[in-house]
Amino acid sequence: MRQFLLSLFVSTLLGAAILFFSPYFIGEIEPWSSDSYYYTGALVLAGFIMLVDRHASYESIFIGIVLGQAIYMFTFIPVDSLVGVALVIMAFKSLLSCVGLLLKSAISDVLHLIKGNT
């Protein structure tokens, strides 16, 4: 349980950081409506970073990334009538963090094969 909460906390911070750095990198407050690949890359990178810890669960990472973005959005971004649409888009696009998780797992498997550990 302690490991789950730690993973949830760190991934929540990463999720909030994605939205925090968005205006600095792409000039948009809402990165999901931008034409750049910042949001996609940041989500994949966040998923990849979170699995440095082998004991982190996929669920805690995904929930934390979505939760961090939602908390940041409701705290610092002006909320309008389309907030529901933004939350749905954010949740679906946050599934890209799972690509980072799968990428890390694939790299780990390849490294085990190269070392000869089966």
PDB file of N, CA and C in Angstrom:
ATOM      1  N   MET A   1       0.821  -1.199   0.000  1.00  0.00           N
ATOM      2  CA  MET A   1       0.000   0.000   0.000  1.00  0.00           C
ATOM      3  C   MET A   1       0.863   1.260   0.000  1.00  0.00           C
ATOM      4  N   ARG A   2       1.936   1.209   0.757  1.00  0.00           N
ATOM      5  CA  ARG A   2       2.832   2.365   0.821  1.00  0.00           C
ATOM      6  C   ARG A   2       3.444   2.657  -0.548  1.00  0.00           C
ATOM      7  N   GLN A   3       3.839   1.589  -1.256  1.00  0.00           N
ATOM      8  CA  GLN A   3       4.434   1.756  -2.581  1.00  0.00           C
ATOM      9  C   GLN A   3       3.415   2.330  -3.569  1.00  0.00           C
ATOM     10  N   PHE A   4       2.162   1.884  -3.469  1.00  0.00           N
ATOM     11  CA  PHE A   4       1.105   2.393  -4.333  1.00  0.00           C
ATOM     12  C   PHE A   4       0.917   3.895  -4.124  1.00  0.00           C
ATOM     13  N   LEU A   5       0.866   4.318  -2.855  1.00  0.00           N
ATOM     14  CA  LEU A   5       0.667   5.735  -2.556  1.00  0.00           C
ATOM     15  C   LEU A   5       1.861   6.583  -2.993  1.00  0.00           C
ATOM     16  N   LEU A   6       3.066   6.053  -2.849  1.00  0.00           N
ATOM     17  CA  LEU A   6       4.250   6.782  -3.300  1.00  0.00           C
ATOM     18  C   LEU A   6       4.239   6.945  -4.820  1.00  0.00           C
ATOM     19  N   SER A   7       3.906   5.880  -5.537  1.00  0.00           N
ATOM     20  CA  SER A   7       3.811   5.962  -7.000  1.00  0.00           C
ATOM     21  C   SER A   7       2.724   6.931  -7.421  1.00  0.00           C
ATOM     22  N   LEU A   8       1.606   6.899  -6.714  1.00  0.00           N
ATOM     23  CA  LEU A   8       0.504   7.807  -7.018  1.00  0.00           C
ATOM     24  C   LEU A   8       0.924   9.257  -6.801  1.00  0.00           C
ATOM     25  N   PHE A   9       1.634   9.533  -5.726  1.00  0.00           N
ATOM     26  CA  PHE A   9       2.084  10.888  -5.423  1.00  0.00           C
ATOM     27  C   PHE A   9       3.066  11.407  -6.473  1.00  0.00           C
ATOM     28  N   VAL A  10       4.064  10.595  -6.807  1.00  0.00           N
ATOM     29  CA  VAL A  10       5.077  11.035  -7.774  1.00  0.00           C
ATOM     30  C   VAL A  10       4.466  11.217  -9.163  1.00  0.00           C
ATOM     31  N   SER A  11       3.600  10.295  -9.566  1.00  0.00           N
ATOM     32  CA  SER A  11       2.976  10.445 -10.888  1.00  0.00           C
ATOM     33  C   SER A  11       2.004  11.625 -10.915  1.00  0.00           C
ATOM     34  N   THR A  12       1.391  11.952  -9.778  1.00  0.00           N
ATOM     35  CA  THR A  12       0.543  13.145  -9.707  1.00  0.00           C
ATOM     36  C   THR A  12       1.383  14.402  -9.920  1.00  0.00           C
ATOM     37  N   LEU A  13       2.555  14.429  -9.318  1.00  0.00           N
ATOM     38  CA  LEU A  13       3.462  15.563  -9.544  1.00  0.00           C
ATOM     39  C   LEU A  13       3.885  15.663 -11.002  1.00  0.00           C
ATOM     40  N   LEU A  14       4.170  14.530 -11.626  1.00  0.00           N
ATOM     41  CA  LEU A  14       4.544  14.548 -13.046  1.00  0.00           C
ATOM     42  C   LEU A  14       3.388  15.034 -13.917  1.00  0.00           C
ATOM     43  N   GLY A  15       2.183  14.600 -13.612  1.00  0.00           N
ATOM     44  CA  GLY A  15       1.015  15.054 -14.364  1.00  0.00           C
ATOM     45  C   GLY A  15       0.817  16.558 -14.264  1.00  0.00           C
ATOM     46  N   ALA A  16       0.988  17.092 -13.065  1.00  0.00           N
ATOM     47  CA  ALA A  16       0.865  18.543 -12.887  1.00  0.00           C
ATOM     48  C   ALA A  16       2.003  19.273 -13.593  1.00  0.00           C
ATOM     49  N   ALA A  17       3.190  18.687 -13.590  1.00  0.00           N
ATOM     50  CA  ALA A  17       4.340  19.312 -14.250  1.00  0.00           C
ATOM     51  C   ALA A  17       4.137  19.419 -15.755  1.00  0.00           C
ATOM     52  N   ILE A  18       3.438  18.462 -16.339  1.00  0.00           N
ATOM     53  CA  ILE A  18       3.163  18.509 -17.777  1.00  0.00           C
ATOM     54  C   ILE A  18       2.406  19.786 -18.127  1.00  0.00           C
ATOM     55  N   LEU A  19       1.378  20.092 -17.352  1.00  0.00           N
ATOM     56  CA  LEU A  19       0.604  21.305 -17.626  1.00  0.00           C
ATOM     57  C   LEU A  19       1.343  22.565 -17.196  1.00  0.00           C
ATOM     58  N   PHE A  20       2.141  22.474 -16.148  1.00  0.00           N
ATOM     59  CA  PHE A  20       2.906  23.626 -15.684  1.00  0.00           C
ATOM     60  C   PHE A  20       3.898  24.097 -16.742  1.00  0.00           C
ATOM     61  N   PHE A  21       4.613  23.172 -17.368  1.00  0.00           N
ATOM     62  CA  PHE A  21       5.645  23.531 -18.344  1.00  0.00           C
ATOM     63  C   PHE A  21       5.098  23.791 -19.742  1.00  0.00           C
ATOM     64  N   SER A  22       3.843  23.486 -19.977  1.00  0.00           N
ATOM     65  CA  SER A  22       3.250  23.670 -21.299  1.00  0.00           C
ATOM     66  C   SER A  22       3.385  25.097 -21.840  1.00  0.00           C
ATOM     67  N   PRO A  23       3.064  26.150 -21.076  1.00  0.00           N
ATOM     68  CA  PRO A  23       3.205  27.504 -21.628  1.00  0.00           C
ATOM     69  C   PRO A  23       4.645  27.861 -21.968  1.00  0.00           C
ATOM     70  N   TYR A  24       5.599  27.285 -21.263  1.00  0.00           N
ATOM     71  CA  TYR A  24       7.006  27.595 -21.510  1.00  0.00           C
ATOM     72  C   TYR A  24       7.532  26.920 -22.771  1.00  0.00           C
ATOM     73  N   PHE A  25       7.045  25.715 -23.067  1.00  0.00           N
ATOM     74  CA  PHE A  25       7.538  24.984 -24.230  1.00  0.00           C
ATOM     75  C   PHE A  25       6.761  25.265 -25.501  1.00  0.00           C
ATOM     76  N   ILE A  26       5.438  25.377 -25.411  1.00  0.00           N
ATOM     77  CA  ILE A  26       4.642  25.548 -26.629  1.00  0.00           C
ATOM     78  C   ILE A  26       3.799  26.814 -26.637  1.00  0.00           C
ATOM     79  N   GLY A  27       3.763  27.536 -25.542  1.00  0.00           N
ATOM     80  CA  GLY A  27       3.002  28.775 -25.491  1.00  0.00           C
ATOM     81  C   GLY A  27       1.509  28.580 -25.343  1.00  0.00           C
ATOM     82  N   GLU A  28       1.067  27.377 -25.056  1.00  0.00           N
ATOM     83  CA  GLU A  28      -0.354  27.074 -24.877  1.00  0.00           C
ATOM     84  C   GLU A  28      -0.612  26.661 -23.438  1.00  0.00           C
ATOM     85  N   ILE A  29      -1.696  27.142 -22.862  1.00  0.00           N
ATOM     86  CA  ILE A  29      -2.074  26.729 -21.514  1.00  0.00           C
ATOM     87  C   ILE A  29      -2.645  25.316 -21.538  1.00  0.00           C
ATOM     88  N   GLU A  30      -3.363  24.997 -22.596  1.00  0.00           N
ATOM     89  CA  GLU A  30      -3.971  23.675 -22.747  1.00  0.00           C
ATOM     90  C   GLU A  30      -3.214  22.911 -23.839  1.00  0.00           C
ATOM     91  N   PRO A  31      -2.267  22.062 -23.468  1.00  0.00           N
ATOM     92  CA  PRO A  31      -1.421  21.406 -24.467  1.00  0.00           C
ATOM     93  C   PRO A  31      -2.157  20.412 -25.346  1.00  0.00           C
ATOM     94  N   TRP A  32      -3.306  19.891 -24.918  1.00  0.00           N
ATOM     95  CA  TRP A  32      -4.029  18.918 -25.726  1.00  0.00           C
ATOM     96  C   TRP A  32      -4.664  19.555 -26.947  1.00  0.00           C
ATOM     97  N   SER A  33      -4.797  20.871 -26.988  1.00  0.00           N
ATOM     98  CA  SER A  33      -5.378  21.535 -28.159  1.00  0.00           C
ATOM     99  C   SER A  33      -4.313  22.144 -29.063  1.00  0.00           C
ATOM    100  N   SER A  34      -3.065  21.852 -28.811  1.00  0.00           N
ATOM    101  CA  SER A  34      -1.960  22.403 -29.594  1.00  0.00           C
ATOM    102  C   SER A  34      -1.605  21.467 -30.749  1.00  0.00           C
ATOM    103  N   ASP A  35      -0.919  22.011 -31.742  1.00  0.00           N
ATOM    104  CA  ASP A  35      -0.481  21.205 -32.882  1.00  0.00           C
ATOM    105  C   ASP A  35       0.887  20.569 -32.663  1.00  0.00           C
ATOM    106  N   SER A  36       1.531  20.848 -31.550  1.00  0.00           N
ATOM    107  CA  SER A  36       2.870  20.306 -31.307  1.00  0.00           C
ATOM    108  C   SER A  36       2.776  18.904 -30.700  1.00  0.00           C
ATOM    109  N   TYR A  37       3.919  18.252 -30.623  1.00  0.00           N
ATOM    110  CA  TYR A  37       4.002  16.922 -30.034  1.00  0.00           C
ATOM    111  C   TYR A  37       4.440  16.975 -28.574  1.00  0.00           C
ATOM    112  N   TYR A  38       4.397  18.149 -27.969  1.00  0.00           N
ATOM    113  CA  TYR A  38       4.820  18.285 -26.576  1.00  0.00           C
ATOM    114  C   TYR A  38       3.992  17.398 -25.652  1.00  0.00           C
ATOM    115  N   TYR A  39       2.680  17.466 -25.762  1.00  0.00           N
ATOM    116  CA  TYR A  39       1.810  16.739 -24.842  1.00  0.00           C
ATOM    117  C   TYR A  39       1.990  15.232 -24.989  1.00  0.00           C
ATOM    118  N   THR A  40       2.048  14.773 -26.222  1.00  0.00           N
ATOM    119  CA  THR A  40       2.261  13.346 -26.472  1.00  0.00           C
ATOM    120  C   THR A  40       3.596  12.899 -25.904  1.00  0.00           C
ATOM    121  N   GLY A  41       4.646  13.644 -26.210  1.00  0.00           N
ATOM    122  CA  GLY A  41       5.973  13.290 -25.727  1.00  0.00           C
ATOM    123  C   GLY A  41       6.080  13.356 -24.213  1.00  0.00           C
ATOM    124  N   ALA A  42       5.455  14.361 -23.607  1.00  0.00           N
ATOM    125  CA  ALA A  42       5.514  14.497 -22.147  1.00  0.00           C
ATOM    126  C   ALA A  42       4.794  13.349 -21.459  1.00  0.00           C
ATOM    127  N   LEU A  43       3.667  12.907 -22.006  1.00  0.00           N
ATOM    128  CA  LEU A  43       2.941  11.791 -21.413  1.00  0.00           C
ATOM    129  C   LEU A  43       3.722  10.481 -21.532  1.00  0.00           C
ATOM    130  N   VAL A  44       4.300  10.242 -22.702  1.00  0.00           N
ATOM    131  CA  VAL A  44       5.105   9.032 -22.886  1.00  0.00           C
ATOM    132  C   VAL A  44       6.315   9.065 -21.959  1.00  0.00           C
ATOM    133  N   LEU A  45       6.962  10.206 -21.862  1.00  0.00           N
ATOM    134  CA  LEU A  45       8.121  10.345 -20.991  1.00  0.00           C
ATOM    135  C   LEU A  45       7.745  10.169 -19.516  1.00  0.00           C
ATOM    136  N   ALA A  46       6.615  10.694 -19.110  1.00  0.00           N
ATOM    137  CA  ALA A  46       6.176  10.537 -17.719  1.00  0.00           C
ATOM    138  C   ALA A  46       5.943   9.065 -17.390  1.00  0.00           C
ATOM    139  N   GLY A  47       5.313   8.331 -18.290  1.00  0.00           N
ATOM    140  CA  GLY A  47       5.116   6.897 -18.068  1.00  0.00           C
ATOM    141  C   GLY A  47       6.429   6.145 -18.019  1.00  0.00           C
ATOM    142  N   PHE A  48       7.367   6.539 -18.867  1.00  0.00           N
ATOM    143  CA  PHE A  48       8.684   5.905 -18.901  1.00  0.00           C
ATOM    144  C   PHE A  48       9.446   6.186 -17.605  1.00  0.00           C
ATOM    145  N   ILE A  49       9.414   7.416 -17.154  1.00  0.00           N
ATOM    146  CA  ILE A  49      10.123   7.801 -15.923  1.00  0.00           C
ATOM    147  C   ILE A  49       9.559   7.066 -14.710  1.00  0.00           C
ATOM    148  N   MET A  50       8.253   6.936 -14.657  1.00  0.00           N
ATOM    149  CA  MET A  50       7.634   6.332 -13.485  1.00  0.00           C
ATOM    150  C   MET A  50       7.991   4.862 -13.312  1.00  0.00           C
ATOM    151  N   LEU A  51       8.287   4.170 -14.361  1.00  0.00           N
ATOM    152  CA  LEU A  51       8.605   2.760 -14.203  1.00  0.00           C
ATOM    153  C   LEU A  51      10.077   2.509 -13.936  1.00  0.00           C
ATOM    154  N   VAL A  52      10.824   3.550 -13.602  1.00  0.00           N
ATOM    155  CA  VAL A  52      12.180   3.340 -13.121  1.00  0.00           C
ATOM    156  C   VAL A  52      12.101   2.505 -11.836  1.00  0.00           C
ATOM    157  N   ASP A  53      11.065   2.778 -11.064  1.00  0.00           N
ATOM    158  CA  ASP A  53      10.790   1.973  -9.876  1.00  0.00           C
ATOM    159  C   ASP A  53      10.033   0.721 -10.324  1.00  0.00           C
ATOM    160  N   ARG A  54      10.606  -0.436 -10.106  1.00  0.00           N
ATOM    161  CA  ARG A  54      10.003  -1.682 -10.583  1.00  0.00           C
ATOM    162  C   ARG A  54       8.702  -2.038  -9.874  1.00  0.00           C
ATOM    163  N   HIS A  55       8.506  -1.517  -8.695  1.00  0.00           N
ATOM    164  CA  HIS A  55       7.343  -1.895  -7.913  1.00  0.00           C
ATOM    165  C   HIS A  55       6.128  -1.012  -8.178  1.00  0.00           C
ATOM    166  N   ALA A  56       6.273  -0.020  -9.029  1.00  0.00           N
ATOM    167  CA  ALA A  56       5.149   0.876  -9.335  1.00  0.00           C
ATOM    168  C   ALA A  56       4.127   0.134 -10.189  1.00  0.00           C
ATOM    169  N   SER A  57       2.865   0.336  -9.886  1.00  0.00           N
ATOM    170  CA  SER A  57       1.816  -0.328 -10.654  1.00  0.00           C
ATOM    171  C   SER A  57       1.338   0.582 -11.786  1.00  0.00           C
ATOM    172  N   TYR A  58       0.875  -0.038 -12.843  1.00  0.00           N
ATOM    173  CA  TYR A  58       0.375   0.718 -13.992  1.00  0.00           C
ATOM    174  C   TYR A  58      -0.820   1.581 -13.593  1.00  0.00           C
ATOM    175  N   GLU A  59      -1.668   1.031 -12.745  1.00  0.00           N
ATOM    176  CA  GLU A  59      -2.870   1.759 -12.352  1.00  0.00           C
ATOM    177  C   GLU A  59      -2.527   3.034 -11.589  1.00  0.00           C
ATOM    178  N   SER A  60      -1.611   2.917 -10.642  1.00  0.00           N
ATOM    179  CA  SER A  60      -1.270   4.098  -9.839  1.00  0.00           C
ATOM    180  C   SER A  60      -0.611   5.171 -10.697  1.00  0.00           C
ATOM    181  N   ILE A  61       0.148   4.752 -11.669  1.00  0.00           N
ATOM    182  CA  ILE A  61       0.819   5.720 -12.538  1.00  0.00           C
ATOM    183  C   ILE A  61      -0.202   6.456 -13.409  1.00  0.00           C
ATOM    184  N   PHE A  62      -1.090   5.713 -14.057  1.00  0.00           N
ATOM    185  CA  PHE A  62      -2.082   6.338 -14.926  1.00  0.00           C
ATOM    186  C   PHE A  62      -3.020   7.239 -14.128  1.00  0.00           C
ATOM    187  N   ILE A  63      -3.524   6.746 -13.008  1.00  0.00           N
ATOM    188  CA  ILE A  63      -4.431   7.536 -12.174  1.00  0.00           C
ATOM    189  C   ILE A  63      -3.732   8.789 -11.672  1.00  0.00           C
ATOM    190  N   GLY A  64      -2.478   8.657 -11.264  1.00  0.00           N
ATOM    191  CA  GLY A  64      -1.737   9.800 -10.759  1.00  0.00           C
ATOM    192  C   GLY A  64      -1.504  10.867 -11.814  1.00  0.00           C
ATOM    193  N   ILE A  65      -1.165  10.449 -13.032  1.00  0.00           N
ATOM    194  CA  ILE A  65      -0.921  11.412 -14.106  1.00  0.00           C
ATOM    195  C   ILE A  65      -2.207  12.168 -14.450  1.00  0.00           C
ATOM    196  N   VAL A  66      -3.318  11.455 -14.528  1.00  0.00           N
ATOM    197  CA  VAL A  66      -4.597  12.115 -14.805  1.00  0.00           C
ATOM    198  C   VAL A  66      -4.997  13.018 -13.641  1.00  0.00           C
ATOM    199  N   LEU A  67      -4.831  12.528 -12.422  1.00  0.00           N
ATOM    200  CA  LEU A  67      -5.185  13.298 -11.234  1.00  0.00           C
ATOM    201  C   LEU A  67      -4.351  14.573 -11.126  1.00  0.00           C
ATOM    202  N   GLY A  68      -3.059  14.480 -11.396  1.00  0.00           N
ATOM    203  CA  GLY A  68      -2.192  15.653 -11.337  1.00  0.00           C
ATOM    204  C   GLY A  68      -2.587  16.718 -12.343  1.00  0.00           C
ATOM    205  N   GLN A  69      -2.944  16.279 -13.547  1.00  0.00           N
ATOM    206  CA  GLN A  69      -3.380  17.240 -14.563  1.00  0.00           C
ATOM    207  C   GLN A  69      -4.709  17.883 -14.171  1.00  0.00           C
ATOM    208  N   ALA A  70      -5.624  17.085 -13.635  1.00  0.00           N
ATOM    209  CA  ALA A  70      -6.927  17.623 -13.240  1.00  0.00           C
ATOM    210  C   ALA A  70      -6.780  18.613 -12.081  1.00  0.00           C
ATOM    211  N   ILE A  71      -5.972  18.274 -11.101  1.00  0.00           N
ATOM    212  CA  ILE A  71      -5.763  19.186  -9.974  1.00  0.00           C
ATOM    213  C   ILE A  71      -5.138  20.487 -10.450  1.00  0.00           C
ATOM    214  N   TYR A  72      -4.131  20.379 -11.321  1.00  0.00           N
ATOM    215  CA  TYR A  72      -3.486  21.588 -11.838  1.00  0.00           C
ATOM    216  C   TYR A  72      -4.484  22.417 -12.652  1.00  0.00           C
ATOM    217  N   MET A  73      -5.275  21.745 -13.468  1.00  0.00           N
ATOM    218  CA  MET A  73      -6.219  22.457 -14.321  1.00  0.00           C
ATOM    219  C   MET A  73      -7.252  23.216 -13.485  1.00  0.00           C
ATOM    220  N   PHE A  74      -7.815  22.581 -12.470  1.00  0.00           N
ATOM    221  CA  PHE A  74      -8.825  23.246 -11.651  1.00  0.00           C
ATOM    222  C   PHE A  74      -8.224  24.311 -10.737  1.00  0.00           C
ATOM    223  N   THR A  75      -6.936  24.218 -10.464  1.00  0.00           N
ATOM    224  CA  THR A  75      -6.296  25.182  -9.569  1.00  0.00           C
ATOM    225  C   THR A  75      -5.783  26.412 -10.306  1.00  0.00           C
ATOM    226  N   PHE A  76      -5.151  26.209 -11.470  1.00  0.00           N
ATOM    227  CA  PHE A  76      -4.433  27.308 -12.109  1.00  0.00           C
ATOM    228  C   PHE A  76      -4.956  27.733 -13.476  1.00  0.00           C
ATOM    229  N   ILE A  77      -5.758  26.940 -14.119  1.00  0.00           N
ATOM    230  CA  ILE A  77      -6.256  27.277 -15.457  1.00  0.00           C
ATOM    231  C   ILE A  77      -7.698  27.762 -15.326  1.00  0.00           C
ATOM    232  N   PRO A  78      -8.032  28.872 -15.997  1.00  0.00           N
ATOM    233  CA  PRO A  78      -9.417  29.345 -15.931  1.00  0.00           C
ATOM    234  C   PRO A  78     -10.378  28.294 -16.499  1.00  0.00           C
ATOM    235  N   VAL A  79     -11.365  27.934 -15.714  1.00  0.00           N
ATOM    236  CA  VAL A  79     -12.314  26.889 -16.098  1.00  0.00           C
ATOM    237  C   VAL A  79     -13.495  27.535 -16.800  1.00  0.00           C
ATOM    238  N   ASP A  80     -13.875  26.966 -17.954  1.00  0.00           N
ATOM    239  CA  ASP A  80     -15.033  27.478 -18.678  1.00  0.00           C
ATOM    240  C   ASP A  80     -16.059  26.358 -18.841  1.00  0.00           C
ATOM    241  N   SER A  81     -16.998  26.544 -19.722  1.00  0.00           N
ATOM    242  CA  SER A  81     -18.083  25.576 -19.881  1.00  0.00           C
ATOM    243  C   SER A  81     -17.633  24.282 -20.561  1.00  0.00           C
ATOM    244  N   LEU A  82     -16.468  24.281 -21.173  1.00  0.00           N
ATOM    245  CA  LEU A  82     -15.974  23.085 -21.856  1.00  0.00           C
ATOM    246  C   LEU A  82     -15.032  22.252 -20.997  1.00  0.00           C
ATOM    247  N   VAL A  83     -15.091  22.416 -19.692  1.00  0.00           N
ATOM    248  CA  VAL A  83     -14.183  21.699 -18.806  1.00  0.00           C
ATOM    249  C   VAL A  83     -14.417  20.187 -18.887  1.00  0.00           C
ATOM    250  N   GLY A  84     -15.641  19.757 -19.091  1.00  0.00           N
ATOM    251  CA  GLY A  84     -15.930  18.327 -19.230  1.00  0.00           C
ATOM    252  C   GLY A  84     -15.261  17.730 -20.454  1.00  0.00           C
ATOM    253  N   VAL A  85     -15.316  18.466 -21.559  1.00  0.00           N
ATOM    254  CA  VAL A  85     -14.660  18.015 -22.788  1.00  0.00           C
ATOM    255  C   VAL A  85     -13.149  17.938 -22.584  1.00  0.00           C
ATOM    256  N   ALA A  86     -12.597  18.932 -21.912  1.00  0.00           N
ATOM    257  CA  ALA A  86     -11.155  18.941 -21.646  1.00  0.00           C
ATOM    258  C   ALA A  86     -10.753  17.752 -20.783  1.00  0.00           C
ATOM    259  N   LEU A  87     -11.561  17.419 -19.791  1.00  0.00           N
ATOM    260  CA  LEU A  87     -11.242  16.271 -18.932  1.00  0.00           C
ATOM    261  C   LEU A  87     -11.283  14.955 -19.701  1.00  0.00           C
ATOM    262  N   VAL A  88     -12.253  14.816 -20.595  1.00  0.00           N
ATOM    263  CA  VAL A  88     -12.347  13.590 -21.403  1.00  0.00           C
ATOM    264  C   VAL A  88     -11.154  13.478 -22.342  1.00  0.00           C
ATOM    265  N   ILE A  89     -10.810  14.560 -23.020  1.00  0.00           N
ATOM    266  CA  ILE A  89      -9.649  14.559 -23.921  1.00  0.00           C
ATOM    267  C   ILE A  89      -8.377  14.265 -23.141  1.00  0.00           C
ATOM    268  N   MET A  90      -8.242  14.891 -21.988  1.00  0.00           N
ATOM    269  CA  MET A  90      -7.057  14.693 -21.159  1.00  0.00           C
ATOM    270  C   MET A  90      -6.962  13.239 -20.700  1.00  0.00           C
ATOM    271  N   ALA A  91      -8.059  12.639 -20.304  1.00  0.00           N
ATOM    272  CA  ALA A  91      -8.044  11.251 -19.844  1.00  0.00           C
ATOM    273  C   ALA A  91      -7.669  10.297 -20.974  1.00  0.00           C
ATOM    274  N   PHE A  92      -8.250  10.500 -22.163  1.00  0.00           N
ATOM    275  CA  PHE A  92      -7.924   9.623 -23.278  1.00  0.00           C
ATOM    276  C   PHE A  92      -6.475   9.796 -23.736  1.00  0.00           C
ATOM    277  N   LYS A  93      -6.026  11.032 -23.813  1.00  0.00           N
ATOM    278  CA  LYS A  93      -4.646  11.257 -24.233  1.00  0.00           C
ATOM    279  C   LYS A  93      -3.655  10.781 -23.179  1.00  0.00           C
ATOM    280  N   SER A  94      -4.069  10.759 -21.927  1.00  0.00           N
ATOM    281  CA  SER A  94      -3.182  10.276 -20.870  1.00  0.00           C
ATOM    282  C   SER A  94      -2.929   8.776 -20.978  1.00  0.00           C
ATOM    283  N   LEU A  95      -3.729   8.099 -21.758  1.00  0.00           N
ATOM    284  CA  LEU A  95      -3.443   6.690 -22.027  1.00  0.00           C
ATOM    285  C   LEU A  95      -2.094   6.533 -22.728  1.00  0.00           C
ATOM    286  N   LEU A  96      -1.610   7.619 -23.327  1.00  0.00           N
ATOM    287  CA  LEU A  96      -0.288   7.574 -23.960  1.00  0.00           C
ATOM    288  C   LEU A  96       0.815   7.325 -22.933  1.00  0.00           C
ATOM    289  N   SER A  97       0.560   7.616 -21.679  1.00  0.00           N
ATOM    290  CA  SER A  97       1.557   7.313 -20.655  1.00  0.00           C
ATOM    291  C   SER A  97       1.785   5.807 -20.581  1.00  0.00           C
ATOM    292  N   CYS A  98       0.776   5.029 -20.942  1.00  0.00           N
ATOM    293  CA  CYS A  98       0.938   3.572 -20.958  1.00  0.00           C
ATOM    294  C   CYS A  98       1.907   3.133 -22.049  1.00  0.00           C
ATOM    295  N   VAL A  99       2.023   3.911 -23.113  1.00  0.00           N
ATOM    296  CA  VAL A  99       3.011   3.613 -24.154  1.00  0.00           C
ATOM    297  C   VAL A  99       4.412   3.723 -23.560  1.00  0.00           C
ATOM    298  N   GLY A 100       4.628   4.741 -22.750  1.00  0.00           N
ATOM    299  CA  GLY A 100       5.912   4.873 -22.062  1.00  0.00           C
ATOM    300  C   GLY A 100       6.164   3.714 -21.126  1.00  0.00           C
ATOM    301  N   LEU A 101       5.117   3.251 -20.469  1.00  0.00           N
ATOM    302  CA  LEU A 101       5.247   2.108 -19.578  1.00  0.00           C
ATOM    303  C   LEU A 101       5.613   0.851 -20.364  1.00  0.00           C
ATOM    304  N   LEU A 102       4.950   0.646 -21.499  1.00  0.00           N
ATOM    305  CA  LEU A 102       5.250  -0.519 -22.331  1.00  0.00           C
ATOM    306  C   LEU A 102       6.640  -0.427 -22.943  1.00  0.00           C
ATOM    307  N   LEU A 103       7.053   0.773 -23.311  1.00  0.00           N
ATOM    308  CA  LEU A 103       8.384   0.974 -23.869  1.00  0.00           C
ATOM    309  C   LEU A 103       9.448   0.611 -22.853  1.00  0.00           C
ATOM    310  N   LYS A 104       9.263   1.032 -21.618  1.00  0.00           N
ATOM    311  CA  LYS A 104      10.213   0.713 -20.565  1.00  0.00           C
ATOM    312  C   LYS A 104      10.265  -0.791 -20.331  1.00  0.00           C
ATOM    313  N   SER A 105       9.113  -1.444 -20.344  1.00  0.00           N
ATOM    314  CA  SER A 105       9.065  -2.889 -20.148  1.00  0.00           C
ATOM    315  C   SER A 105       9.771  -3.621 -21.291  1.00  0.00           C
ATOM    316  N   ALA A 106       9.571  -3.145 -22.520  1.00  0.00           N
ATOM    317  CA  ALA A 106      10.227  -3.775 -23.667  1.00  0.00           C
ATOM    318  C   ALA A 106      11.739  -3.611 -23.602  1.00  0.00           C
ATOM    319  N   ILE A 107      12.202  -2.419 -23.234  1.00  0.00           N
ATOM    320  CA  ILE A 107      13.641  -2.188 -23.106  1.00  0.00           C
ATOM    321  C   ILE A 107      14.222  -3.083 -22.015  1.00  0.00           C
ATOM    322  N   SER A 108      13.509  -3.215 -20.925  1.00  0.00           N
ATOM    323  CA  SER A 108      13.955  -4.069 -19.823  1.00  0.00           C
ATOM    324  C   SER A 108      14.061  -5.520 -20.273  1.00  0.00           C
ATOM    325  N   ASP A 109      13.080  -6.010 -21.025  1.00  0.00           N
ATOM    326  CA  ASP A 109      13.123  -7.388 -21.522  1.00  0.00           C
ATOM    327  C   ASP A 109      14.286  -7.609 -22.474  1.00  0.00           C
ATOM    328  N   VAL A 110      14.539  -6.648 -23.350  1.00  0.00           N
ATOM    329  CA  VAL A 110      15.660  -6.770 -24.291  1.00  0.00           C
ATOM    330  C   VAL A 110      16.987  -6.794 -23.544  1.00  0.00           C
ATOM    331  N   LEU A 111      17.123  -5.951 -22.528  1.00  0.00           N
ATOM    332  CA  LEU A 111      18.358  -5.938 -21.747  1.00  0.00           C
ATOM    333  C   LEU A 111      18.571  -7.251 -21.007  1.00  0.00           C
ATOM    334  N   HIS A 112      17.494  -7.854 -20.522  1.00  0.00           N
ATOM    335  CA  HIS A 112      17.619  -9.157 -19.865  1.00  0.00           C
ATOM    336  C   HIS A 112      18.044 -10.228 -20.856  1.00  0.00           C
ATOM    337  N   LEU A 113      17.529 -10.163 -22.077  1.00  0.00           N
ATOM    338  CA  LEU A 113      17.928 -11.133 -23.101  1.00  0.00           C
ATOM    339  C   LEU A 113      19.392 -10.959 -23.487  1.00  0.00           C
ATOM    340  N   ILE A 114      19.835  -9.719 -23.585  1.00  0.00           N
ATOM    341  CA  ILE A 114      21.231  -9.463 -23.947  1.00  0.00           C
ATOM    342  C   ILE A 114      22.172  -9.960 -22.865  1.00  0.00           C
ATOM    343  N   LYS A 115      21.785  -9.756 -21.618  1.00  0.00           N
ATOM    344  CA  LYS A 115      22.634 -10.206 -20.500  1.00  0.00           C
ATOM    345  C   LYS A 115      22.598 -11.726 -20.341  1.00  0.00           C
ATOM    346  N   GLY A 116      21.590 -12.351 -20.907  1.00  0.00           N
ATOM    347  CA  GLY A 116      21.464 -13.796 -20.781  1.00  0.00           C
ATOM    348  C   GLY A 116      20.626 -14.234 -19.597  1.00  0.00           C
ATOM    349  N   ASN A 117      19.981 -13.298 -18.945  1.00  0.00           N
ATOM    350  CA  ASN A 117      19.094 -13.625 -17.825  1.00  0.00           C
ATOM    351  C   ASN A 117      17.720 -13.928 -18.382  1.00  0.00           C
ATOM    352  N   THR A 118      17.254 -15.128 -18.212  1.00  0.00           N
ATOM    353  CA  THR A 118      15.928 -15.469 -18.710  1.00  0.00           C
ATOM    354  C   THR A 118      14.985 -15.742 -17.594  1.00  0.00           C
TER     355      THR A 118
END
